[in-house]
Amino acid sequence: METISVKLPKKLKEFADKQVADGKYSDVSDYVRDILEKDKKRRAAIAEINIALEEGEASGFVPYVREEFEQRFEEIAKAHRLSKKNAA
């Protein structure tokens, strides 16, 4: 594993220390790793959404079927909730 040094304002350092003191993380490094992993996943999800939007725009007009849209939305929302639950 690589080592980095990060300068934080006092309030952020206190906040990070509190996460450790509350037992959520073993140390500040563990907390920072978790934040970075979550940000990495978030950015990947945004990139995936942008690709889907571009593909959708390029595909042209498709008649809107509300029931199909709602079903697909629920599937995506459920998958998102599960991924958040598994990440916690």
Protein backbone atom coordinates (compact mmCIF):
# COMPACT_ATOMS: atom_id res chain seq x y z
CA MET A 1 0.00 0.00 0.00
CA GLU A 2 1.16 3.52 -0.75
CA THR A 3 1.40 6.29 1.84
CA ILE A 4 0.30 9.90 1.34
CA SER A 5 0.24 12.93 3.59
CA VAL A 6 -2.84 15.15 3.67
CA LYS A 7 -3.17 18.54 5.33
CA LEU A 8 -6.62 19.17 6.81
CA PRO A 9 -8.21 22.12 8.52
CA LYS A 10 -8.62 21.52 12.25
CA LYS A 11 -12.40 21.01 12.01
CA LEU A 12 -12.05 18.31 9.32
CA LYS A 13 -9.33 16.54 11.31
CA GLU A 14 -11.58 16.60 14.38
CA PHE A 15 -14.46 15.23 12.31
CA ALA A 16 -12.29 12.39 10.95
CA ASP A 17 -11.04 11.60 14.45
CA LYS A 18 -14.65 11.47 15.68
CA GLN A 19 -15.53 8.87 13.04
CA VAL A 20 -12.73 6.72 14.42
CA ALA A 21 -13.67 7.40 18.05
CA ASP A 22 -17.29 6.42 17.29
CA GLY A 23 -16.02 3.03 16.15
CA LYS A 24 -17.01 3.45 12.52
CA TYR A 25 -13.42 3.09 11.34
CA SER A 26 -10.25 1.57 12.75
CA ASP A 27 -8.20 4.70 12.03
CA VAL A 28 -8.26 7.88 9.95
CA SER A 29 -6.57 6.10 7.05
CA ASP A 30 -9.42 3.58 6.99
CA TYR A 31 -11.91 6.46 6.92
CA VAL A 32 -10.10 8.23 4.05
CA ARG A 33 -9.89 4.97 2.07
CA ASP A 34 -13.64 4.51 2.49
CA ILE A 35 -14.36 8.06 1.31
CA LEU A 36 -12.13 7.58 -1.74
CA GLU A 37 -13.73 4.24 -2.64
CA LYS A 38 -17.22 5.72 -2.37
CA ASP A 39 -16.20 8.68 -4.53
CA LYS A 40 -14.67 6.31 -7.10
CA LYS A 41 -17.94 4.33 -7.29
CA ARG A 42 -19.99 7.52 -7.49
CA ARG A 43 -17.91 8.85 -10.37
CA ALA A 44 -18.16 5.51 -12.20
CA ALA A 45 -21.95 5.59 -11.80
CA ILE A 46 -22.10 9.14 -13.15
CA ALA A 47 -19.97 8.14 -16.13
CA GLU A 48 -22.28 5.19 -16.78
CA ILE A 49 -25.33 7.46 -16.65
CA ASN A 50 -23.70 9.92 -19.04
CA ILE A 51 -22.93 7.13 -21.51
CA ALA A 52 -26.52 5.92 -21.29
CA LEU A 53 -27.79 9.46 -21.86
CA GLU A 54 -25.58 9.89 -24.92
CA GLU A 55 -26.70 6.51 -26.28
CA GLY A 56 -30.30 7.46 -25.66
CA GLU A 57 -29.93 10.77 -27.45
CA ALA A 58 -28.22 9.07 -30.39
CA SER A 59 -30.90 6.38 -30.68
CA GLY A 60 -33.65 8.79 -31.64
CA PHE A 61 -37.25 9.01 -30.47
CA VAL A 62 -38.84 6.03 -28.76
CA PRO A 63 -42.51 6.03 -27.79
CA TYR A 64 -42.94 6.51 -24.05
CA VAL A 65 -44.51 3.60 -22.16
CA ARG A 66 -45.03 4.70 -18.57
CA GLU A 67 -45.32 1.21 -17.07
CA GLU A 68 -42.05 0.05 -18.65
CA PHE A 69 -40.30 3.20 -17.48
CA GLU A 70 -41.57 2.81 -13.90
CA GLN A 71 -40.58 -0.86 -13.81
CA ARG A 72 -37.07 -0.14 -15.08
CA PHE A 73 -36.74 2.79 -12.65
CA GLU A 74 -37.67 0.52 -9.73
CA GLU A 75 -35.10 -2.08 -10.85
CA ILE A 76 -32.35 0.53 -10.99
CA ALA A 77 -33.39 2.07 -7.65
CA LYS A 78 -33.41 -1.36 -6.00
CA ALA A 79 -29.94 -2.16 -7.36
CA HIS A 80 -28.71 1.22 -6.12
CA ARG A 81 -30.15 0.64 -2.63
CA LEU A 82 -28.53 -2.81 -2.48
CA SER A 83 -25.15 -1.44 -3.55
CA LYS A 84 -25.35 1.27 -0.88
CA LYS A 85 -26.34 -1.32 1.73
CA ASN A 86 -23.47 -3.61 0.73
CA ALA A 87 -21.01 -0.70 0.82
CA ALA A 88 -22.00 0.21 4.37
